[in-house]
């Protein structure tokens, strides 16, 4: 197989992410079976860190 443009076309057809059932964001990894945004599939608790507090407040105001 050669490098460059011809080999880029062979990358299509592989889907890694889809919409998460719990948070609705397109962050559920089909191969890892977990959501990178809310942690669905990994634990029953929502994925949350203290450094996320400001971003959570901003997203709630919308």
Foldseek 3Di string as FASTA:
>chain_A
DDDDDVVVVVPPPDDFWQQDPPPRDRQQGPVVRAGPQQGPRNDPHGDDDPVCVVVVVVVVVD
